[in-house]
């Protein structure tokens, strides 16, 4: 009985530690494991340029920053640029949604997934280079990024998700790599600035309305 009680107390203590939130350098974090943290929501007042560190120290313990959590910087309209460290592997859903002042973001080679609506309504964003490490781009990841004029999709991506570039009216060129097999519904819906698209031999399926209302499109291979 005493042994069971000790185990239970240890379990409670460990989970209490991992549930702790703290702030460092004006950014809010949540402890995920004894060695890692994620950037969490409630950073709405953050403005200007932000450089997310690769590690932070709290209560004399150093933690690696491994993910940008859901809604982390959502509605930070004064945010102009973001540098994400190589320690980060995941950008969560709506992480930078409605950051209308965001013009520049550096996505490191360690990132493997970009969440749903991650950059929704980032109307000031003009170009994005997605690194070769990324295998998954979430639904509507760049929804209504009207200032986006070019995007490079790496060979590591096999699916262009539903609504990935929905209403990116400023998009004039897109490179679809040979690894892509599926272009989702509404993927480039209403991309009125898009003039030509080359779809590689690897693509076996193009979803409903994938290029609907692309009124500037004059050439499709």
Protein backbone atom coordinates (compact mmCIF):
# COMPACT_ATOMS: atom_id res chain seq x y z
CA UNK A 1 0.00 0.00 0.00
CA UNK A 2 2.83 2.37 0.92
CA UNK A 3 4.62 1.58 -2.36
CA UNK A 4 1.47 2.34 -4.38
CA UNK A 5 1.07 5.65 -2.54
CA UNK A 6 4.68 6.64 -3.29
CA UNK A 7 4.23 5.81 -6.99
CA UNK A 8 1.04 7.85 -7.10
CA UNK A 9 2.73 10.83 -5.46
CA UNK A 10 5.65 10.60 -7.92
CA UNK A 11 3.22 10.49 -10.84
CA UNK A 12 1.36 13.57 -9.55
CA UNK A 13 4.64 15.45 -9.00
CA UNK A 14 5.90 14.65 -12.50
CA UNK A 15 2.66 15.70 -14.18
CA UNK A 16 2.50 18.88 -12.12
CA UNK A 17 5.98 19.75 -13.38
CA UNK A 18 5.03 19.13 -16.99
CA UNK A 19 1.87 21.24 -16.67
CA UNK A 20 3.78 24.37 -15.74
CA UNK A 21 3.60 27.44 -17.91
CA UNK A 22 6.17 30.21 -17.71
CA UNK A 23 7.30 33.33 -19.55
CA UNK A 24 10.81 34.04 -20.79
CA UNK A 25 11.84 37.00 -22.94
CA UNK A 26 8.19 37.98 -23.31
CA UNK A 27 7.21 34.62 -24.85
CA UNK A 28 4.96 32.11 -23.09
CA UNK A 29 6.00 28.47 -22.86
CA UNK A 30 4.59 25.17 -21.64
CA UNK A 31 6.76 22.32 -20.35
CA UNK A 32 6.18 19.23 -22.49
CA UNK A 33 8.81 16.85 -21.11
CA UNK A 34 11.61 17.18 -18.57
CA UNK A 35 13.79 18.57 -21.39
CA UNK A 36 11.44 20.23 -23.91
CA UNK A 37 8.92 23.08 -24.14
CA UNK A 38 6.51 24.53 -26.69
CA UNK A 39 5.56 28.13 -27.36
CA UNK A 40 1.93 28.50 -26.28
CA UNK A 41 -0.90 30.95 -26.96
CA UNK A 42 -1.62 34.23 -25.21
CA UNK A 43 1.15 36.26 -26.83
CA UNK A 44 -1.29 38.78 -28.42
CA UNK A 45 0.70 41.91 -27.55
CA UNK A 46 3.90 40.72 -29.23
CA UNK A 47 5.07 43.10 -31.96
CA UNK A 48 8.09 43.87 -34.15
CA UNK A 49 10.62 41.15 -34.89
CA UNK A 50 10.67 37.99 -32.81
CA UNK A 51 13.53 35.51 -32.63
CA UNK A 52 12.40 32.37 -30.90
CA UNK A 53 15.34 30.87 -28.98
CA UNK A 54 16.41 27.26 -29.41
CA UNK A 55 16.44 26.81 -25.63
CA UNK A 56 15.17 28.57 -22.51
CA UNK A 57 15.97 28.23 -18.81
CA UNK A 58 13.36 28.05 -16.07
CA UNK A 59 14.01 27.27 -12.39
CA UNK A 60 17.64 26.48 -13.24
CA UNK A 61 16.59 23.88 -15.84
CA UNK A 62 17.35 24.28 -19.55
CA UNK A 63 14.66 23.24 -22.05
CA UNK A 64 14.84 22.84 -25.83
CA UNK A 65 12.09 24.70 -27.74
CA UNK A 66 10.67 22.00 -30.01
CA UNK A 67 7.34 23.36 -31.24
CA UNK A 68 5.30 26.48 -31.92
CA UNK A 69 1.95 25.53 -30.39
CA UNK A 70 -1.58 26.11 -31.66
CA UNK A 71 -2.56 29.81 -31.78
CA UNK A 72 0.85 30.79 -30.37
CA UNK A 73 1.00 34.23 -32.01
CA UNK A 74 -2.52 34.44 -33.39
CA UNK A 75 -3.76 38.03 -33.88
CA UNK A 76 -0.33 39.57 -33.27
CA UNK A 77 -1.04 42.21 -35.90
CA UNK A 78 2.09 44.19 -34.99
CA UNK A 79 4.40 41.23 -35.59
CA UNK A 80 6.64 41.95 -38.61
CA UNK A 81 9.12 39.07 -38.80
CA UNK A 82 9.76 35.72 -37.15
CA UNK A 83 12.90 33.60 -36.92
CA UNK A 84 12.26 30.02 -35.84
CA UNK A 85 15.21 27.99 -34.48
CA UNK A 86 16.40 24.62 -35.81
CA UNK A 87 15.20 22.96 -32.61
CA UNK A 88 11.56 23.41 -33.71
CA UNK A 89 9.99 20.50 -35.62
CA UNK A 90 6.30 21.50 -35.60
CA UNK A 91 4.35 24.69 -36.33
CA UNK A 92 0.89 24.27 -34.82
CA UNK A 93 -2.57 25.12 -36.09
CA UNK A 94 -3.26 28.86 -36.45
CA UNK A 95 0.18 29.57 -34.94
CA UNK A 96 0.52 32.86 -36.85
CA UNK A 97 -3.06 33.31 -38.07
CA UNK A 98 -4.20 36.92 -38.60
CA UNK A 99 -0.66 38.31 -38.19
CA UNK A 100 -1.46 40.87 -40.86
CA UNK A 101 1.82 42.78 -40.40
CA UNK A 102 4.02 39.73 -40.84
CA UNK A 103 6.23 40.18 -43.91
CA UNK A 104 8.99 37.66 -43.28
CA UNK A 105 9.22 34.23 -41.70
CA UNK A 106 12.19 31.86 -41.64
CA UNK A 107 11.16 28.21 -41.46
CA UNK A 108 14.16 26.04 -40.46
CA UNK A 109 15.14 22.71 -41.97
CA UNK A 110 14.09 20.81 -38.86
CA UNK A 111 10.36 21.58 -39.29
CA UNK A 112 8.42 18.54 -40.53
CA UNK A 113 4.82 19.80 -40.37
CA UNK A 114 2.93 23.08 -40.77
CA UNK A 115 -0.47 22.99 -39.07
CA UNK A 116 -3.94 23.84 -40.36
CA UNK A 117 -4.49 27.59 -40.85
CA UNK A 118 -0.92 28.21 -39.59
CA UNK A 119 -0.52 31.43 -41.60
CA UNK A 120 -4.17 32.22 -42.30
CA UNK A 121 -4.79 35.88 -43.20
CA UNK A 122 -1.10 36.85 -43.08
CA UNK A 123 -1.86 39.37 -45.80
CA UNK A 124 1.55 41.08 -45.55
CA UNK A 125 3.52 37.91 -46.24
CA UNK A 126 5.11 38.17 -49.70
CA UNK A 127 7.15 34.98 -50.13
CA UNK A 128 7.61 31.67 -48.37
CA UNK A 129 10.30 29.03 -48.78
CA UNK A 130 9.24 25.72 -47.27
CA UNK A 131 12.28 23.58 -46.40
CA UNK A 132 12.88 20.01 -47.62
CA UNK A 133 12.23 18.64 -44.15
CA UNK A 134 8.50 19.47 -44.36
CA UNK A 135 6.34 16.48 -45.27
CA UNK A 136 2.95 17.90 -44.29
CA UNK A 137 1.31 21.27 -45.01
CA UNK A 138 -2.02 21.56 -43.19
CA UNK A 139 -5.42 22.44 -44.59
CA UNK A 140 -5.78 26.15 -45.39
CA UNK A 141 -2.22 26.74 -44.12
CA UNK A 142 -1.82 29.92 -46.21
CA UNK A 143 -5.51 30.79 -46.53
CA UNK A 144 -6.07 34.38 -47.75
CA UNK A 145 -2.38 35.34 -47.81
CA UNK A 146 -3.21 37.90 -50.48
CA UNK A 147 0.30 39.43 -50.51
CA UNK A 148 2.00 36.12 -51.24
CA UNK A 149 3.51 36.26 -54.74
CA UNK A 150 5.66 33.13 -54.80
CA UNK A 151 6.00 29.90 -52.91
CA UNK A 152 8.47 27.05 -53.20
CA UNK A 153 7.11 23.64 -52.26
CA UNK A 154 9.87 21.11 -51.50
CA UNK A 155 10.23 17.60 -52.93
CA UNK A 156 9.50 16.16 -49.49
CA UNK A 157 5.81 17.18 -49.76
CA UNK A 158 3.55 14.55 -51.36
CA UNK A 159 0.17 16.22 -50.85
CA UNK A 160 -0.97 19.81 -51.29
CA UNK A 161 -3.72 19.92 -48.71
CA UNK A 162 -7.25 21.20 -49.03
CA UNK A 163 -7.36 24.98 -49.36
CA UNK A 164 -3.60 25.26 -48.80
CA UNK A 165 -3.37 28.47 -50.88
CA UNK A 166 -7.06 29.39 -50.94
CA UNK A 167 -7.58 33.07 -51.94
CA UNK A 168 -3.86 33.79 -52.41
CA UNK A 169 -4.82 36.34 -55.05
CA UNK A 170 -1.27 37.72 -55.42
CA UNK A 171 0.30 34.36 -56.19
CA UNK A 172 1.80 34.50 -59.68
CA UNK A 173 3.90 31.36 -59.75
CA UNK A 174 4.01 28.04 -57.99
CA UNK A 175 6.34 25.08 -58.38
CA UNK A 176 4.70 21.73 -57.76
CA UNK A 177 7.44 19.15 -57.17
CA UNK A 178 7.58 15.68 -58.67
CA UNK A 179 6.86 14.03 -55.33
CA UNK A 180 3.30 15.43 -55.13
CA UNK A 181 0.62 12.81 -55.86
CA UNK A 182 -2.50 14.68 -54.73
CA UNK A 183 -3.72 18.27 -55.00
CA UNK A 184 -6.57 18.80 -52.54
CA UNK A 185 -9.96 20.45 -52.88
CA UNK A 186 -9.78 24.25 -53.26
CA UNK A 187 -5.97 24.10 -53.05
CA UNK A 188 -5.50 27.18 -55.27
CA UNK A 189 -9.09 28.43 -55.27
CA UNK A 190 -9.42 32.07 -56.43
CA UNK A 191 -5.68 32.54 -57.03
CA UNK A 192 -6.54 35.18 -59.63
CA UNK A 193 -2.91 36.20 -60.20
CA UNK A 194 -1.78 32.72 -61.18
CA UNK A 195 -1.00 32.64 -64.91
CA UNK A 196 0.44 29.17 -65.50
CA UNK A 197 0.69 25.84 -63.73
CA UNK A 198 2.77 22.78 -64.54
CA UNK A 199 1.48 19.65 -62.86
CA UNK A 200 4.07 16.84 -62.70
CA UNK A 201 3.61 13.23 -63.79
CA UNK A 202 3.51 12.11 -60.16
CA UNK A 203 0.08 13.69 -59.58
CA UNK A 204 -2.72 11.13 -59.81
CA UNK A 205 -5.60 13.16 -58.37
CA UNK A 206 -6.72 16.81 -58.49
CA UNK A 207 -9.45 17.71 -55.99
CA UNK A 208 -12.71 19.58 -56.52
CA UNK A 209 -12.31 23.29 -57.33
CA UNK A 210 -8.53 23.02 -56.99
CA UNK A 211 -8.01 25.88 -59.47
CA UNK A 212 -11.54 27.33 -59.49
CA UNK A 213 -11.82 31.08 -60.24
CA UNK A 214 -8.14 31.32 -61.24
CA UNK A 215 -9.22 33.90 -63.83
CA UNK A 216 -5.66 34.78 -64.87
CA UNK A 217 -4.70 31.21 -65.66
CA UNK A 218 -3.81 30.91 -69.34
CA UNK A 219 -1.67 27.77 -69.40
CA UNK A 220 -1.96 24.40 -67.67
CA UNK A 221 0.27 21.44 -68.35
